[in-house]
Amino acid sequence: LEVGDGTATVTREVDGGLETITVKLPA
């Protein structure tokens, strides 16, 4: 998890491996 200016970038563990997404805050 990395928190930036108004967003959070998250690396997720999924069945196929890893997925990195960015979501808007609040989250």
mmCIF file of all heavy atoms, coordinates in Angstrom:
data_MODEL
# 
_entry.id   MODEL 
# 
loop_
_atom_site.group_PDB 
_atom_site.id 
_atom_site.type_symbol 
_atom_site.label_atom_id 
_atom_site.label_alt_id 
_atom_site.label_comp_id 
_atom_site.label_asym_id 
_atom_site.label_entity_id 
_atom_site.label_seq_id 
_atom_site.pdbx_PDB_ins_code 
_atom_site.Cartn_x 
_atom_site.Cartn_y 
_atom_site.Cartn_z 
_atom_site.occupancy 
_atom_site.B_iso_or_equiv 
_atom_site.pdbx_formal_charge 
_atom_site.auth_seq_id 
_atom_site.auth_comp_id 
_atom_site.auth_asym_id 
_atom_site.auth_atom_id 
_atom_site.pdbx_PDB_model_num 
ATOM 1   N N   . LEU A 1 1  ? 0.843   -1.202  0.000   1.00 0.00 ? 1  LEU A N   1 
ATOM 2   C CA  . LEU A 1 1  ? 0.000   0.000   0.000   1.00 0.00 ? 1  LEU A CA  1 
ATOM 3   C C   . LEU A 1 1  ? 0.870   1.241   0.000   1.00 0.00 ? 1  LEU A C   1 
ATOM 4   O O   . LEU A 1 1  ? 1.777   1.364   0.823   1.00 0.00 ? 1  LEU A O   1 
ATOM 5   C CB  . LEU A 1 1  ? -0.910  -0.001  1.240   1.00 0.00 ? 1  LEU A CB  1 
ATOM 6   C CG  . LEU A 1 1  ? -1.710  1.281   1.525   1.00 0.00 ? 1  LEU A CG  1 
ATOM 7   C CD1 . LEU A 1 1  ? -2.684  1.573   0.396   1.00 0.00 ? 1  LEU A CD1 1 
ATOM 8   C CD2 . LEU A 1 1  ? -2.444  1.161   2.863   1.00 0.00 ? 1  LEU A CD2 1 
ATOM 9   N N   . GLU A 1 2  ? 0.584   2.146   -0.925  1.00 0.00 ? 2  GLU A N   1 
ATOM 10  C CA  . GLU A 1 2  ? 1.249   3.443   -0.975  1.00 0.00 ? 2  GLU A CA  1 
ATOM 11  C C   . GLU A 1 2  ? 0.186   4.525   -1.083  1.00 0.00 ? 2  GLU A C   1 
ATOM 12  O O   . GLU A 1 2  ? -0.647  4.496   -1.989  1.00 0.00 ? 2  GLU A O   1 
ATOM 13  C CB  . GLU A 1 2  ? 2.206   3.523   -2.176  1.00 0.00 ? 2  GLU A CB  1 
ATOM 14  C CG  . GLU A 1 2  ? 3.369   2.540   -2.115  1.00 0.00 ? 2  GLU A CG  1 
ATOM 15  C CD  . GLU A 1 2  ? 4.287   2.653   -3.317  1.00 0.00 ? 2  GLU A CD  1 
ATOM 16  O OE1 . GLU A 1 2  ? 4.082   3.589   -4.123  1.00 0.00 ? 2  GLU A OE1 1 
ATOM 17  O OE2 . GLU A 1 2  ? 5.176   1.805   -3.468  1.00 0.00 ? 2  GLU A OE2 1 
ATOM 18  N N   . VAL A 1 3  ? 0.231   5.465   -0.144  1.00 0.00 ? 3  VAL A N   1 
ATOM 19  C CA  . VAL A 1 3  ? -0.758  6.544   -0.114  1.00 0.00 ? 3  VAL A CA  1 
ATOM 20  C C   . VAL A 1 3  ? -0.142  7.803   -0.697  1.00 0.00 ? 3  VAL A C   1 
ATOM 21  O O   . VAL A 1 3  ? 0.931   8.239   -0.269  1.00 0.00 ? 3  VAL A O   1 
ATOM 22  C CB  . VAL A 1 3  ? -1.250  6.797   1.326   1.00 0.00 ? 3  VAL A CB  1 
ATOM 23  C CG1 . VAL A 1 3  ? -2.201  7.994   1.361   1.00 0.00 ? 3  VAL A CG1 1 
ATOM 24  C CG2 . VAL A 1 3  ? -1.928  5.556   1.879   1.00 0.00 ? 3  VAL A CG2 1 
ATOM 25  N N   . GLY A 1 4  ? -0.828  8.361   -1.712  1.00 0.00 ? 4  GLY A N   1 
ATOM 26  C CA  . GLY A 1 4  ? -0.351  9.586   -2.344  1.00 0.00 ? 4  GLY A CA  1 
ATOM 27  C C   . GLY A 1 4  ? -1.302  10.737  -2.074  1.00 0.00 ? 4  GLY A C   1 
ATOM 28  O O   . GLY A 1 4  ? -2.041  10.744  -1.077  1.00 0.00 ? 4  GLY A O   1 
ATOM 29  N N   . ASP A 1 5  ? -1.313  11.699  -2.956  1.00 0.00 ? 5  ASP A N   1 
ATOM 30  C CA  . ASP A 1 5  ? -2.162  12.880  -2.820  1.00 0.00 ? 5  ASP A CA  1 
ATOM 31  C C   . ASP A 1 5  ? -3.554  12.561  -3.362  1.00 0.00 ? 5  ASP A C   1 
ATOM 32  O O   . ASP A 1 5  ? -3.799  12.650  -4.559  1.00 0.00 ? 5  ASP A O   1 
ATOM 33  C CB  . ASP A 1 5  ? -1.554  14.060  -3.588  1.00 0.00 ? 5  ASP A CB  1 
ATOM 34  C CG  . ASP A 1 5  ? -2.328  15.348  -3.358  1.00 0.00 ? 5  ASP A CG  1 
ATOM 35  O OD1 . ASP A 1 5  ? -3.172  15.374  -2.437  1.00 0.00 ? 5  ASP A OD1 1 
ATOM 36  O OD2 . ASP A 1 5  ? -2.095  16.324  -4.101  1.00 0.00 ? 5  ASP A OD2 1 
ATOM 37  N N   . GLY A 1 6  ? -4.445  12.172  -2.459  1.00 0.00 ? 6  GLY A N   1 
ATOM 38  C CA  . GLY A 1 6  ? -5.820  11.878  -2.855  1.00 0.00 ? 6  GLY A CA  1 
ATOM 39  C C   . GLY A 1 6  ? -6.032  10.499  -3.447  1.00 0.00 ? 6  GLY A C   1 
ATOM 40  O O   . GLY A 1 6  ? -7.147  10.170  -3.861  1.00 0.00 ? 6  GLY A O   1 
ATOM 41  N N   . THR A 1 7  ? -4.992  9.676   -3.494  1.00 0.00 ? 7  THR A N   1 
ATOM 42  C CA  . THR A 1 7  ? -5.112  8.332   -4.048  1.00 0.00 ? 7  THR A CA  1 
ATOM 43  C C   . THR A 1 7  ? -4.325  7.335   -3.196  1.00 0.00 ? 7  THR A C   1 
ATOM 44  O O   . THR A 1 7  ? -3.465  7.715   -2.405  1.00 0.00 ? 7  THR A O   1 
ATOM 45  C CB  . THR A 1 7  ? -4.593  8.254   -5.496  1.00 0.00 ? 7  THR A CB  1 
ATOM 46  O OG1 . THR A 1 7  ? -3.183  8.556   -5.502  1.00 0.00 ? 7  THR A OG1 1 
ATOM 47  C CG2 . THR A 1 7  ? -5.346  9.210   -6.403  1.00 0.00 ? 7  THR A CG2 1 
ATOM 48  N N   . ALA A 1 8  ? -4.637  6.072   -3.400  1.00 0.00 ? 8  ALA A N   1 
ATOM 49  C CA  . ALA A 1 8  ? -3.868  4.985   -2.791  1.00 0.00 ? 8  ALA A CA  1 
ATOM 50  C C   . ALA A 1 8  ? -3.565  3.968   -3.879  1.00 0.00 ? 8  ALA A C   1 
ATOM 51  O O   . ALA A 1 8  ? -4.456  3.572   -4.641  1.00 0.00 ? 8  ALA A O   1 
ATOM 52  C CB  . ALA A 1 8  ? -4.647  4.340   -1.657  1.00 0.00 ? 8  ALA A CB  1 
ATOM 53  N N   . THR A 1 9  ? -2.306  3.571   -3.973  1.00 0.00 ? 9  THR A N   1 
ATOM 54  C CA  . THR A 1 9  ? -1.899  2.546   -4.932  1.00 0.00 ? 9  THR A CA  1 
ATOM 55  C C   . THR A 1 9  ? -1.713  1.245   -4.168  1.00 0.00 ? 9  THR A C   1 
ATOM 56  O O   . THR A 1 9  ? -0.952  1.178   -3.202  1.00 0.00 ? 9  THR A O   1 
ATOM 57  C CB  . THR A 1 9  ? -0.594  2.938   -5.645  1.00 0.00 ? 9  THR A CB  1 
ATOM 58  O OG1 . THR A 1 9  ? -0.811  4.182   -6.340  1.00 0.00 ? 9  THR A OG1 1 
ATOM 59  C CG2 . THR A 1 9  ? -0.185  1.875   -6.653  1.00 0.00 ? 9  THR A CG2 1 
ATOM 60  N N   . VAL A 1 10 ? -2.420  0.222   -4.612  1.00 0.00 ? 10 VAL A N   1 
ATOM 61  C CA  . VAL A 1 10 ? -2.474  -1.037  -3.875  1.00 0.00 ? 10 VAL A CA  1 
ATOM 62  C C   . VAL A 1 10 ? -2.074  -2.186  -4.790  1.00 0.00 ? 10 VAL A C   1 
ATOM 63  O O   . VAL A 1 10 ? -2.575  -2.303  -5.906  1.00 0.00 ? 10 VAL A O   1 
ATOM 64  C CB  . VAL A 1 10 ? -3.896  -1.294  -3.333  1.00 0.00 ? 10 VAL A CB  1 
ATOM 65  C CG1 . VAL A 1 10 ? -3.952  -2.619  -2.567  1.00 0.00 ? 10 VAL A CG1 1 
ATOM 66  C CG2 . VAL A 1 10 ? -4.347  -0.147  -2.444  1.00 0.00 ? 10 VAL A CG2 1 
ATOM 67  N N   . THR A 1 11 ? -1.154  -3.007  -4.311  1.00 0.00 ? 11 THR A N   1 
ATOM 68  C CA  . THR A 1 11 ? -0.836  -4.273  -4.978  1.00 0.00 ? 11 THR A CA  1 
ATOM 69  C C   . THR A 1 11 ? -1.665  -5.355  -4.312  1.00 0.00 ? 11 THR A C   1 
ATOM 70  O O   . THR A 1 11 ? -1.576  -5.565  -3.101  1.00 0.00 ? 11 THR A O   1 
ATOM 71  C CB  . THR A 1 11 ? 0.657   -4.606  -4.878  1.00 0.00 ? 11 THR A CB  1 
ATOM 72  O OG1 . THR A 1 11 ? 1.407   -3.563  -5.515  1.00 0.00 ? 11 THR A OG1 1 
ATOM 73  C CG2 . THR A 1 11 ? 0.968   -5.933  -5.565  1.00 0.00 ? 11 THR A CG2 1 
ATOM 74  N N   . ARG A 1 12 ? -2.474  -6.035  -5.124  1.00 0.00 ? 12 ARG A N   1 
ATOM 75  C CA  . ARG A 1 12 ? -3.413  -7.031  -4.625  1.00 0.00 ? 12 ARG A CA  1 
ATOM 76  C C   . ARG A 1 12 ? -2.940  -8.436  -4.976  1.00 0.00 ? 12 ARG A C   1 
ATOM 77  O O   . ARG A 1 12 ? -2.371  -8.656  -6.040  1.00 0.00 ? 12 ARG A O   1 
ATOM 78  C CB  . ARG A 1 12 ? -4.800  -6.830  -5.231  1.00 0.00 ? 12 ARG A CB  1 
ATOM 79  C CG  . ARG A 1 12 ? -5.398  -5.451  -5.038  1.00 0.00 ? 12 ARG A CG  1 
ATOM 80  C CD  . ARG A 1 12 ? -6.770  -5.367  -5.703  1.00 0.00 ? 12 ARG A CD  1 
ATOM 81  N NE  . ARG A 1 12 ? -7.677  -6.359  -5.151  1.00 0.00 ? 12 ARG A NE  1 
ATOM 82  C CZ  . ARG A 1 12 ? -8.281  -7.309  -5.877  1.00 0.00 ? 12 ARG A CZ  1 
ATOM 83  N NH1 . ARG A 1 12 ? -8.048  -7.410  -7.186  1.00 0.00 ? 12 ARG A NH1 1 
ATOM 84  N NH2 . ARG A 1 12 ? -9.099  -8.168  -5.294  1.00 0.00 ? 12 ARG A NH2 1 
ATOM 85  N N   . GLU A 1 13 ? -3.226  -9.366  -4.075  1.00 0.00 ? 13 GLU A N   1 
ATOM 86  C CA  . GLU A 1 13 ? -2.954  -10.774 -4.356  1.00 0.00 ? 13 GLU A CA  1 
ATOM 87  C C   . GLU A 1 13 ? -4.205  -11.394 -4.973  1.00 0.00 ? 13 GLU A C   1 
ATOM 88  O O   . GLU A 1 13 ? -5.258  -11.444 -4.342  1.00 0.00 ? 13 GLU A O   1 
ATOM 89  C CB  . GLU A 1 13 ? -2.551  -11.493 -3.074  1.00 0.00 ? 13 GLU A CB  1 
ATOM 90  C CG  . GLU A 1 13 ? -1.307  -10.906 -2.438  1.00 0.00 ? 13 GLU A CG  1 
ATOM 91  C CD  . GLU A 1 13 ? -0.580  -11.880 -1.542  1.00 0.00 ? 13 GLU A CD  1 
ATOM 92  O OE1 . GLU A 1 13 ? -1.005  -13.049 -1.468  1.00 0.00 ? 13 GLU A OE1 1 
ATOM 93  O OE2 . GLU A 1 13 ? 0.424   -11.485 -0.941  1.00 0.00 ? 13 GLU A OE2 1 
ATOM 94  N N   . VAL A 1 14 ? -4.086  -11.838 -6.226  1.00 0.00 ? 14 VAL A N   1 
ATOM 95  C CA  . VAL A 1 14 ? -5.196  -12.445 -6.945  1.00 0.00 ? 14 VAL A CA  1 
ATOM 96  C C   . VAL A 1 14 ? -4.785  -13.849 -7.377  1.00 0.00 ? 14 VAL A C   1 
ATOM 97  O O   . VAL A 1 14 ? -3.623  -14.251 -7.247  1.00 0.00 ? 14 VAL A O   1 
ATOM 98  C CB  . VAL A 1 14 ? -5.600  -11.592 -8.164  1.00 0.00 ? 14 VAL A CB  1 
ATOM 99  C CG1 . VAL A 1 14 ? -6.119  -10.232 -7.718  1.00 0.00 ? 14 VAL A CG1 1 
ATOM 100 C CG2 . VAL A 1 14 ? -4.425  -11.405 -9.123  1.00 0.00 ? 14 VAL A CG2 1 
ATOM 101 N N   . ASP A 1 15 ? -5.739  -14.605 -7.903  1.00 0.00 ? 15 ASP A N   1 
ATOM 102 C CA  . ASP A 1 15 ? -5.467  -15.999 -8.250  1.00 0.00 ? 15 ASP A CA  1 
ATOM 103 C C   . ASP A 1 15 ? -4.322  -16.130 -9.255  1.00 0.00 ? 15 ASP A C   1 
ATOM 104 O O   . ASP A 1 15 ? -3.536  -17.064 -9.187  1.00 0.00 ? 15 ASP A O   1 
ATOM 105 C CB  . ASP A 1 15 ? -6.724  -16.651 -8.825  1.00 0.00 ? 15 ASP A CB  1 
ATOM 106 C CG  . ASP A 1 15 ? -7.805  -16.849 -7.761  1.00 0.00 ? 15 ASP A CG  1 
ATOM 107 O OD1 . ASP A 1 15 ? -7.457  -16.810 -6.571  1.00 0.00 ? 15 ASP A OD1 1 
ATOM 108 O OD2 . ASP A 1 15 ? -8.972  -17.034 -8.126  1.00 0.00 ? 15 ASP A OD2 1 
ATOM 109 N N   . GLY A 1 16 ? -4.225  -15.182 -10.178 1.00 0.00 ? 16 GLY A N   1 
ATOM 110 C CA  . GLY A 1 16 ? -3.203  -15.274 -11.219 1.00 0.00 ? 16 GLY A CA  1 
ATOM 111 C C   . GLY A 1 16 ? -1.863  -14.670 -10.839 1.00 0.00 ? 16 GLY A C   1 
ATOM 112 O O   . GLY A 1 16 ? -0.937  -14.670 -11.650 1.00 0.00 ? 16 GLY A O   1 
ATOM 113 N N   . GLY A 1 17 ? -1.745  -14.115 -9.639  1.00 0.00 ? 17 GLY A N   1 
ATOM 114 C CA  . GLY A 1 17 ? -0.493  -13.486 -9.223  1.00 0.00 ? 17 GLY A CA  1 
ATOM 115 C C   . GLY A 1 17 ? -0.743  -12.198 -8.477  1.00 0.00 ? 17 GLY A C   1 
ATOM 116 O O   . GLY A 1 17 ? -1.432  -12.180 -7.456  1.00 0.00 ? 17 GLY A O   1 
ATOM 117 N N   . LEU A 1 18 ? -0.199  -11.081 -9.002  1.00 0.00 ? 18 LEU A N   1 
ATOM 118 C CA  . LEU A 1 18 ? -0.346  -9.778  -8.367  1.00 0.00 ? 18 LEU A CA  1 
ATOM 119 C C   . LEU A 1 18 ? -0.990  -8.792  -9.321  1.00 0.00 ? 18 LEU A C   1 
ATOM 120 O O   . LEU A 1 18 ? -0.726  -8.815  -10.527 1.00 0.00 ? 18 LEU A O   1 
ATOM 121 C CB  . LEU A 1 18 ? 1.017   -9.243  -7.908  1.00 0.00 ? 18 LEU A CB  1 
ATOM 122 C CG  . LEU A 1 18 ? 1.779   -10.076 -6.880  1.00 0.00 ? 18 LEU A CG  1 
ATOM 123 C CD1 . LEU A 1 18 ? 3.148   -9.464  -6.615  1.00 0.00 ? 18 LEU A CD1 1 
ATOM 124 C CD2 . LEU A 1 18 ? 0.991   -10.188 -5.573  1.00 0.00 ? 18 LEU A CD2 1 
ATOM 125 N N   . GLU A 1 19 ? -1.817  -7.917  -8.786  1.00 0.00 ? 19 GLU A N   1 
ATOM 126 C CA  . GLU A 1 19 ? -2.474  -6.870  -9.559  1.00 0.00 ? 19 GLU A CA  1 
ATOM 127 C C   . GLU A 1 19 ? -2.267  -5.550  -8.835  1.00 0.00 ? 19 GLU A C   1 
ATOM 128 O O   . GLU A 1 19 ? -2.482  -5.462  -7.622  1.00 0.00 ? 19 GLU A O   1 
ATOM 129 C CB  . GLU A 1 19 ? -3.971  -7.174  -9.685  1.00 0.00 ? 19 GLU A CB  1 
ATOM 130 C CG  . GLU A 1 19 ? -4.770  -6.077  -10.366 1.00 0.00 ? 19 GLU A CG  1 
ATOM 131 C CD  . GLU A 1 19 ? -6.258  -6.331  -10.316 1.00 0.00 ? 19 GLU A CD  1 
ATOM 132 O OE1 . GLU A 1 19 ? -6.783  -6.498  -9.197  1.00 0.00 ? 19 GLU A OE1 1 
ATOM 133 O OE2 . GLU A 1 19 ? -6.901  -6.362  -11.378 1.00 0.00 ? 19 GLU A OE2 1 
ATOM 134 N N   . THR A 1 20 ? -1.845  -4.518  -9.540  1.00 0.00 ? 20 THR A N   1 
ATOM 135 C CA  . THR A 1 20 ? -1.646  -3.193  -8.940  1.00 0.00 ? 20 THR A CA  1 
ATOM 136 C C   . THR A 1 20 ? -2.705  -2.242  -9.467  1.00 0.00 ? 20 THR A C   1 
ATOM 137 O O   . THR A 1 20 ? -2.878  -2.097  -10.685 1.00 0.00 ? 20 THR A O   1 
ATOM 138 C CB  . THR A 1 20 ? -0.242  -2.651  -9.248  1.00 0.00 ? 20 THR A CB  1 
ATOM 139 O OG1 . THR A 1 20 ? 0.736   -3.555  -8.738  1.00 0.00 ? 20 THR A OG1 1 
ATOM 140 C CG2 . THR A 1 20 ? -0.032  -1.294  -8.606  1.00 0.00 ? 20 THR A CG2 1 
ATOM 141 N N   . ILE A 1 21 ? -3.420  -1.603  -8.542  1.00 0.00 ? 21 ILE A N   1 
ATOM 142 C CA  . ILE A 1 21 ? -4.478  -0.663  -8.920  1.00 0.00 ? 21 ILE A CA  1 
ATOM 143 C C   . ILE A 1 21 ? -4.313  0.626   -8.127  1.00 0.00 ? 21 ILE A C   1 
ATOM 144 O O   . ILE A 1 21 ? -3.659  0.656   -7.085  1.00 0.00 ? 21 ILE A O   1 
ATOM 145 C CB  . ILE A 1 21 ? -5.886  -1.246  -8.671  1.00 0.00 ? 21 ILE A CB  1 
ATOM 146 C CG1 . ILE A 1 21 ? -6.085  -1.536  -7.176  1.00 0.00 ? 21 ILE A CG1 1 
ATOM 147 C CG2 . ILE A 1 21 ? -6.110  -2.504  -9.498  1.00 0.00 ? 21 ILE A CG2 1 
ATOM 148 C CD1 . ILE A 1 21 ? -7.500  -1.972  -6.816  1.00 0.00 ? 21 ILE A CD1 1 
ATOM 149 N N   . THR A 1 22 ? -4.914  1.688   -8.611  1.00 0.00 ? 22 THR A N   1 
ATOM 150 C CA  . THR A 1 22 ? -4.953  2.969   -7.907  1.00 0.00 ? 22 THR A CA  1 
ATOM 151 C C   . THR A 1 22 ? -6.406  3.329   -7.649  1.00 0.00 ? 22 THR A C   1 
ATOM 152 O O   . THR A 1 22 ? -7.233  3.273   -8.567  1.00 0.00 ? 22 THR A O   1 
ATOM 153 C CB  . THR A 1 22 ? -4.269  4.081   -8.719  1.00 0.00 ? 22 THR A CB  1 
ATOM 154 O OG1 . THR A 1 22 ? -2.887  3.750   -8.910  1.00 0.00 ? 22 THR A OG1 1 
ATOM 155 C CG2 . THR A 1 22 ? -4.355  5.415   -7.993  1.00 0.00 ? 22 THR A CG2 1 
ATOM 156 N N   . VAL A 1 23 ? -6.723  3.663   -6.405  1.00 0.00 ? 23 VAL A N   1 
ATOM 157 C CA  . VAL A 1 23 ? -8.088  4.030   -6.037  1.00 0.00 ? 23 VAL A CA  1 
ATOM 158 C C   . VAL A 1 23 ? -8.084  5.435   -5.452  1.00 0.00 ? 23 VAL A C   1 
ATOM 159 O O   . VAL A 1 23 ? -7.093  5.886   -4.881  1.00 0.00 ? 23 VAL A O   1 
ATOM 160 C CB  . VAL A 1 23 ? -8.686  3.039   -5.017  1.00 0.00 ? 23 VAL A CB  1 
ATOM 161 C CG1 . VAL A 1 23 ? -8.829  1.655   -5.645  1.00 0.00 ? 23 VAL A CG1 1 
ATOM 162 C CG2 . VAL A 1 23 ? -7.841  2.951   -3.749  1.00 0.00 ? 23 VAL A CG2 1 
ATOM 163 N N   . LYS A 1 24 ? -9.196  6.117   -5.613  1.00 0.00 ? 24 LYS A N   1 
ATOM 164 C CA  . LYS A 1 24 ? -9.351  7.449   -5.050  1.00 0.00 ? 24 LYS A CA  1 
ATOM 165 C C   . LYS A 1 24 ? -9.723  7.342   -3.570  1.00 0.00 ? 24 LYS A C   1 
ATOM 166 O O   . LYS A 1 24 ? -10.433 6.435   -3.157  1.00 0.00 ? 24 LYS A O   1 
ATOM 167 C CB  . LYS A 1 24 ? -10.430 8.226   -5.803  1.00 0.00 ? 24 LYS A CB  1 
ATOM 168 C CG  . LYS A 1 24 ? -10.066 8.566   -7.242  1.00 0.00 ? 24 LYS A CG  1 
ATOM 169 C CD  . LYS A 1 24 ? -11.170 9.378   -7.903  1.00 0.00 ? 24 LYS A CD  1 
ATOM 170 C CE  . LYS A 1 24 ? -10.815 9.749   -9.347  1.00 0.00 ? 24 LYS A CE  1 
ATOM 171 N NZ  . LYS A 1 24 ? -11.901 10.526  -10.000 1.00 0.00 ? 24 LYS A NZ  1 
ATOM 172 N N   . LEU A 1 25 ? -9.231  8.292   -2.795  1.00 0.00 ? 25 LEU A N   1 
ATOM 173 C CA  . LEU A 1 25 ? -9.603  8.375   -1.390  1.00 0.00 ? 25 LEU A CA  1 
ATOM 174 C C   . LEU A 1 25 ? -10.857 9.224   -1.228  1.00 0.00 ? 25 LEU A C   1 
ATOM 175 O O   . LEU A 1 25 ? -11.071 10.144  -2.010  1.00 0.00 ? 25 LEU A O   1 
ATOM 176 C CB  . LEU A 1 25 ? -8.444  8.987   -0.588  1.00 0.00 ? 25 LEU A CB  1 
ATOM 177 C CG  . LEU A 1 25 ? -7.121  8.221   -0.633  1.00 0.00 ? 25 LEU A CG  1 
ATOM 178 C CD1 . LEU A 1 25 ? -6.088  8.922   0.227   1.00 0.00 ? 25 LEU A CD1 1 
ATOM 179 C CD2 . LEU A 1 25 ? -7.285  6.781   -0.205  1.00 0.00 ? 25 LEU A CD2 1 
ATOM 180 N N   . PRO A 1 26 ? -11.725 8.927   -0.267  1.00 0.00 ? 26 PRO A N   1 
ATOM 181 C CA  . PRO A 1 26 ? -11.588 7.890   0.760   1.00 0.00 ? 26 PRO A CA  1 
ATOM 182 C C   . PRO A 1 26 ? -11.792 6.498   0.187   1.00 0.00 ? 26 PRO A C   1 
ATOM 183 O O   . PRO A 1 26 ? -12.525 6.322   -0.798  1.00 0.00 ? 26 PRO A O   1 
ATOM 184 C CB  . PRO A 1 26 ? -12.682 8.250   1.764   1.00 0.00 ? 26 PRO A CB  1 
ATOM 185 C CG  . PRO A 1 26 ? -13.720 8.945   0.949   1.00 0.00 ? 26 PRO A CG  1 
ATOM 186 C CD  . PRO A 1 26 ? -12.974 9.729   -0.092  1.00 0.00 ? 26 PRO A CD  1 
ATOM 187 N N   . ALA A 1 27 ? -11.149 5.518   0.815   1.00 0.00 ? 27 ALA A N   1 
ATOM 188 C CA  . ALA A 1 27 ? -11.201 4.159   0.302   1.00 0.00 ? 27 ALA A CA  1 
ATOM 189 C C   . ALA A 1 27 ? -11.169 3.160   1.447   1.00 0.00 ? 27 ALA A C   1 
ATOM 190 O O   . ALA A 1 27 ? -10.724 3.466   2.557   1.00 0.00 ? 27 ALA A O   1 
ATOM 191 C CB  . ALA A 1 27 ? -10.025 3.906   -0.643  1.00 0.00 ? 27 ALA A CB  1 
# 
